[in-house]
């Protein structure tokens, strides 16, 4: 039985949202891997650390709704590549503060240009500015409500 809300089939909406996200993520993954040797999840971590210096693993896990263990392993891989360092957290010895290395900063800047270019190709070639505004606002509201109510947060 399909659920209807304001003449919109919620199951179709869900399917469209998930399939668009997957295809966009995969296309961005391919371009980032080809040009920079990283994948989208690594780029997102690096970009977050650039934009939020001093973040902890738990901060990234909360931002991306990913388990702390998976986030820590992702940071381990970035650290092994020499793009991220863990620093002592002076206010909590149980956690570390994360920082980009110079190489990590250079990588995220170059990858950001590639990411933005490819995203513009993928979305800008399909949606005009008016359509993007029409889509962006309700998605932002939905995300805010899900985050406010902590819906979809992993348990570990």
Protein backbone atom coordinates (compact mmCIF):
# COMPACT_ATOMS: atom_id res chain seq x y z
CA UNK A 1 0.00 0.00 0.00
CA UNK A 2 1.50 3.33 -1.08
CA UNK A 3 1.34 6.21 1.37
CA UNK A 4 0.16 9.50 -0.08
CA UNK A 5 0.81 12.95 1.33
CA UNK A 6 -0.32 16.03 -0.59
CA UNK A 7 -0.51 13.99 -3.81
CA UNK A 8 3.13 12.91 -3.43
CA UNK A 9 3.90 9.22 -3.25
CA UNK A 10 6.26 9.08 -0.26
CA UNK A 11 7.77 5.77 -1.33
CA UNK A 12 8.64 7.19 -4.75
CA UNK A 13 10.03 10.33 -3.12
CA UNK A 14 12.19 8.19 -0.85
CA UNK A 15 13.40 6.11 -3.78
CA UNK A 16 14.23 9.21 -5.83
CA UNK A 17 16.11 10.83 -2.93
CA UNK A 18 18.17 7.73 -2.19
CA UNK A 19 18.94 6.90 -5.84
CA UNK A 20 19.93 10.51 -6.61
CA UNK A 21 22.19 10.60 -3.56
CA UNK A 22 23.80 7.27 -4.49
CA UNK A 23 24.40 8.22 -8.11
CA UNK A 24 25.77 11.66 -7.20
CA UNK A 25 28.02 10.16 -4.52
CA UNK A 26 29.32 7.49 -6.91
CA UNK A 27 29.99 10.00 -9.70
CA UNK A 28 31.83 12.30 -7.29
CA UNK A 29 33.71 9.28 -5.93
CA UNK A 30 34.90 8.36 -9.42
CA UNK A 31 36.14 11.89 -10.21
CA UNK A 32 37.88 12.35 -6.85
CA UNK A 33 39.56 8.94 -7.12
CA UNK A 34 40.67 9.66 -10.68
CA UNK A 35 42.14 13.09 -9.96
CA UNK A 36 43.22 12.93 -6.32
CA UNK A 37 43.34 9.28 -5.22
CA UNK A 38 40.63 9.75 -2.58
CA UNK A 39 36.96 8.88 -2.32
CA UNK A 40 34.02 11.09 -1.40
CA UNK A 41 33.89 10.04 2.25
CA UNK A 42 37.57 10.92 2.66
CA UNK A 43 37.01 14.26 0.97
CA UNK A 44 34.08 15.00 3.27
CA UNK A 45 36.18 14.25 6.37
CA UNK A 46 39.04 16.41 5.10
CA UNK A 47 36.70 19.25 4.19
CA UNK A 48 35.03 19.10 7.61
CA UNK A 49 38.41 19.23 9.33
CA UNK A 50 39.41 22.20 7.19
CA UNK A 51 36.20 24.02 8.04
CA UNK A 52 36.06 22.92 11.71
CA UNK A 53 39.61 22.79 13.06
CA UNK A 54 40.00 20.96 16.34
CA UNK A 55 37.17 18.52 15.67
CA UNK A 56 37.15 15.15 17.40
CA UNK A 57 36.27 11.78 15.88
CA UNK A 58 32.93 11.99 17.72
CA UNK A 59 32.21 15.35 16.05
CA UNK A 60 32.71 13.86 12.59
CA UNK A 61 30.63 10.81 13.50
CA UNK A 62 27.76 13.05 14.60
CA UNK A 63 28.01 15.31 11.53
CA UNK A 64 27.95 12.43 9.06
CA UNK A 65 25.67 10.10 11.07
CA UNK A 66 28.32 7.38 11.01
CA UNK A 67 29.41 5.12 13.85
CA UNK A 68 32.37 6.26 15.92
CA UNK A 69 34.30 3.07 15.15
CA UNK A 70 33.92 3.52 11.39
CA UNK A 71 34.81 7.20 11.69
CA UNK A 72 37.93 6.39 13.73
CA UNK A 73 39.03 3.83 11.12
CA UNK A 74 38.48 6.43 8.39
CA UNK A 75 40.65 8.90 10.29
CA UNK A 76 43.27 6.16 10.78
CA UNK A 77 43.48 5.81 6.98
CA UNK A 78 43.80 9.58 6.50
CA UNK A 79 46.46 9.69 9.21
CA UNK A 80 48.38 6.83 7.57
CA UNK A 81 48.43 8.83 4.32
CA UNK A 82 49.89 11.81 6.17
CA UNK A 83 46.85 14.07 5.64
CA UNK A 84 45.58 14.22 9.25
CA UNK A 85 47.20 14.20 12.68
CA UNK A 86 45.73 13.48 16.07
CA UNK A 87 46.67 15.98 18.77
CA UNK A 88 46.21 15.76 22.52
CA UNK A 89 42.90 17.26 23.66
CA UNK A 90 43.82 19.49 26.61
CA UNK A 91 40.29 19.47 28.00
CA UNK A 92 39.63 15.71 27.68
CA UNK A 93 42.47 13.15 27.76
CA UNK A 94 40.14 10.47 26.43
CA UNK A 95 39.88 12.12 23.01
CA UNK A 96 42.14 13.69 20.43
CA UNK A 97 41.71 16.81 18.38
CA UNK A 98 42.14 16.33 14.66
CA UNK A 99 44.10 18.61 12.36
CA UNK A 100 45.02 18.63 8.70
CA UNK A 101 48.67 18.43 7.81
CA UNK A 102 50.02 20.82 5.17
CA UNK A 103 49.69 18.00 2.65
CA UNK A 104 46.10 17.36 3.78
CA UNK A 105 45.28 21.07 3.41
CA UNK A 106 46.69 21.13 -0.11
CA UNK A 107 44.78 17.98 -1.02
CA UNK A 108 41.43 19.22 0.29
CA UNK A 109 41.80 22.54 -1.57
CA UNK A 110 42.51 20.79 -4.88
CA UNK A 111 39.81 18.17 -4.29
CA UNK A 112 37.31 20.89 -3.36
CA UNK A 113 37.74 22.50 -6.78
CA UNK A 114 37.23 19.11 -8.47
CA UNK A 115 34.23 18.28 -6.29
CA UNK A 116 32.53 21.63 -6.95
CA UNK A 117 33.23 21.42 -10.67
CA UNK A 118 31.76 17.91 -10.96
CA UNK A 119 28.77 18.68 -8.74
CA UNK A 120 28.03 21.74 -10.87
CA UNK A 121 28.16 19.56 -14.00
CA UNK A 122 25.86 16.94 -12.52
CA UNK A 123 23.25 19.18 -10.89
CA UNK A 124 23.62 22.42 -12.81
CA UNK A 125 23.14 20.58 -16.09
CA UNK A 126 19.75 19.32 -14.91
CA UNK A 127 18.30 21.88 -12.50
CA UNK A 128 18.14 25.63 -13.02
CA UNK A 129 18.64 28.05 -10.13
CA UNK A 130 14.92 28.32 -9.42
CA UNK A 131 14.49 24.54 -9.30
CA UNK A 132 17.52 24.16 -7.01
CA UNK A 133 16.03 26.70 -4.59
CA UNK A 134 12.70 24.88 -4.68
CA UNK A 135 14.40 21.57 -3.83
CA UNK A 136 17.02 22.88 -1.39
CA UNK A 137 14.74 24.56 1.15
CA UNK A 138 12.48 21.60 2.01
CA UNK A 139 15.46 19.21 2.06
CA UNK A 140 17.24 21.52 4.46
CA UNK A 141 14.15 21.62 6.68
CA UNK A 142 13.82 17.83 6.59
CA UNK A 143 17.49 17.39 7.48
CA UNK A 144 17.19 19.89 10.34
CA UNK A 145 14.18 18.06 11.76
CA UNK A 146 15.89 14.66 11.52
CA UNK A 147 19.03 16.03 13.18
CA UNK A 148 17.08 17.90 15.86
CA UNK A 149 15.27 14.70 16.80
CA UNK A 150 18.44 12.61 16.41
CA UNK A 151 16.74 10.30 13.94
CA UNK A 152 18.96 7.89 12.06
CA UNK A 153 21.98 8.21 14.32
CA UNK A 154 24.08 5.04 14.55
CA UNK A 155 24.48 3.47 17.97
CA UNK A 156 28.18 2.71 17.85
